[in-house]
Amino acid sequence: MPKGYWIGRVDVDDPDGYMKYVAANARPFAEYGARFLVRGGRFENPEGSARARNVVIEFPSYQAALDCYHSESYQAAKALRDPVSTGDIVIIEGYDG
């Protein structure tokens, strides 16, 4: 079964407010088996548009990635993120060769 991934690109307007989101998302991420592969860090954007922060989160399955996003606990965390940042999230099924 292929894994699932969140690919996020975020511009943070209020770092202190964003840290409240980070604290709140720990519970749903643990519950759904999330593992950060990329969490910020240096990057180059040779094509297209960019945001200041990039994140790649791995889940045990595509369904787990979807379920986490739509969970009540993640939506509560997201409500903290929305007013302090602008971002894009793609939830994608991994390639299982």
Protein backbone atom coordinates (compact mmCIF):
# COMPACT_ATOMS: atom_id res chain seq x y z
CA MET A 1 0.00 0.00 0.00
CA PRO A 2 1.49 3.36 -1.01
CA LYS A 3 2.17 5.94 1.66
CA GLY A 4 0.46 9.30 1.71
CA TYR A 5 2.11 12.71 1.86
CA TRP A 6 1.26 16.29 2.62
CA ILE A 7 3.27 18.82 0.68
CA GLY A 8 2.91 22.24 2.25
CA ARG A 9 4.24 25.65 1.29
CA VAL A 10 3.61 28.44 3.77
CA ASP A 11 4.27 32.13 4.31
CA VAL A 12 4.06 32.92 8.02
CA ASP A 13 2.84 36.42 8.97
CA ASP A 14 2.91 35.96 12.76
CA PRO A 15 5.61 33.55 14.02
CA ASP A 16 4.28 33.53 17.60
CA GLY A 17 0.76 32.75 16.42
CA TYR A 18 2.11 30.06 14.08
CA MET A 19 3.84 28.35 17.01
CA LYS A 20 0.39 27.82 18.57
CA TYR A 21 -0.58 25.93 15.42
CA VAL A 22 2.63 23.86 15.60
CA ALA A 23 1.84 22.89 19.20
CA ALA A 24 -1.77 22.03 18.32
CA ASN A 25 -0.95 19.90 15.26
CA ALA A 26 1.30 17.52 17.25
CA ARG A 27 -1.64 15.50 18.54
CA PRO A 28 -3.35 14.74 15.20
CA PHE A 29 0.01 14.10 13.53
CA ALA A 30 0.91 11.54 16.21
CA GLU A 31 -2.56 9.99 16.03
CA TYR A 32 -2.32 9.44 12.26
CA GLY A 33 1.32 8.29 12.17
CA ALA A 34 2.79 11.41 10.52
CA ARG A 35 6.53 11.79 10.09
CA PHE A 36 8.21 14.98 8.92
CA LEU A 37 10.58 14.46 5.99
CA VAL A 38 11.07 18.19 5.34
CA ARG A 39 10.33 20.90 7.88
CA GLY A 40 11.66 24.23 6.71
CA GLY A 41 15.32 24.31 5.73
CA ARG A 42 17.22 25.72 2.81
CA PHE A 43 15.75 25.47 -0.66
CA GLU A 44 16.11 26.73 -4.19
CA ASN A 45 13.08 27.48 -6.38
CA PRO A 46 14.36 27.35 -9.97
CA GLU A 47 10.86 27.33 -11.50
CA GLY A 48 7.43 28.65 -10.56
CA SER A 49 6.46 30.49 -7.43
CA ALA A 50 7.71 29.91 -3.90
CA ARG A 51 6.69 30.44 -0.32
CA ALA A 52 9.08 30.99 2.58
CA ARG A 53 8.54 27.62 4.32
CA ASN A 54 8.23 24.13 2.82
CA VAL A 55 7.08 20.97 4.57
CA VAL A 56 6.74 17.33 3.48
CA ILE A 57 4.95 15.00 5.89
CA GLU A 58 4.76 11.24 5.35
CA PHE A 59 1.79 9.15 6.50
CA PRO A 60 1.47 5.34 6.56
CA SER A 61 -1.15 5.54 3.78
CA TYR A 62 -2.94 7.98 1.52
CA GLN A 63 -6.12 7.37 3.53
CA ALA A 64 -4.33 8.24 6.80
CA ALA A 65 -3.13 11.50 5.20
CA LEU A 66 -6.68 12.39 4.18
CA ASP A 67 -8.18 11.32 7.50
CA CYS A 68 -5.68 13.42 9.43
CA TYR A 69 -6.46 16.55 7.42
CA HIS A 70 -10.21 16.12 7.82
CA SER A 71 -10.04 15.15 11.51
CA GLU A 72 -11.63 17.38 14.11
CA SER A 73 -8.32 17.76 15.94
CA TYR A 74 -6.41 18.88 12.84
CA GLN A 75 -9.16 21.27 11.78
CA ALA A 76 -8.93 22.87 15.25
CA ALA A 77 -5.17 23.31 14.71
CA LYS A 78 -5.77 24.67 11.20
CA ALA A 79 -8.10 27.31 12.68
CA LEU A 80 -5.05 28.63 14.56
CA ARG A 81 -2.91 28.64 11.39
CA ASP A 82 -5.32 30.32 9.00
CA PRO A 83 -5.26 33.86 10.46
CA VAL A 84 -1.45 33.97 10.81
CA SER A 85 -0.26 32.43 7.54
CA THR A 86 -0.97 31.87 3.87
CA GLY A 87 -0.24 28.51 2.35
CA ASP A 88 -0.89 25.68 -0.04
CA ILE A 89 -1.26 22.02 0.92
CA VAL A 90 -1.39 19.09 -1.47
CA ILE A 91 -2.29 15.63 -0.17
CA ILE A 92 -0.86 13.04 -2.52
CA GLU A 93 -0.55 9.28 -2.78
CA GLY A 94 3.02 8.01 -2.95
CA TYR A 95 4.42 5.86 -5.71
CA ASP A 96 4.77 2.23 -4.72
CA GLY A 97 6.74 1.23 -7.81
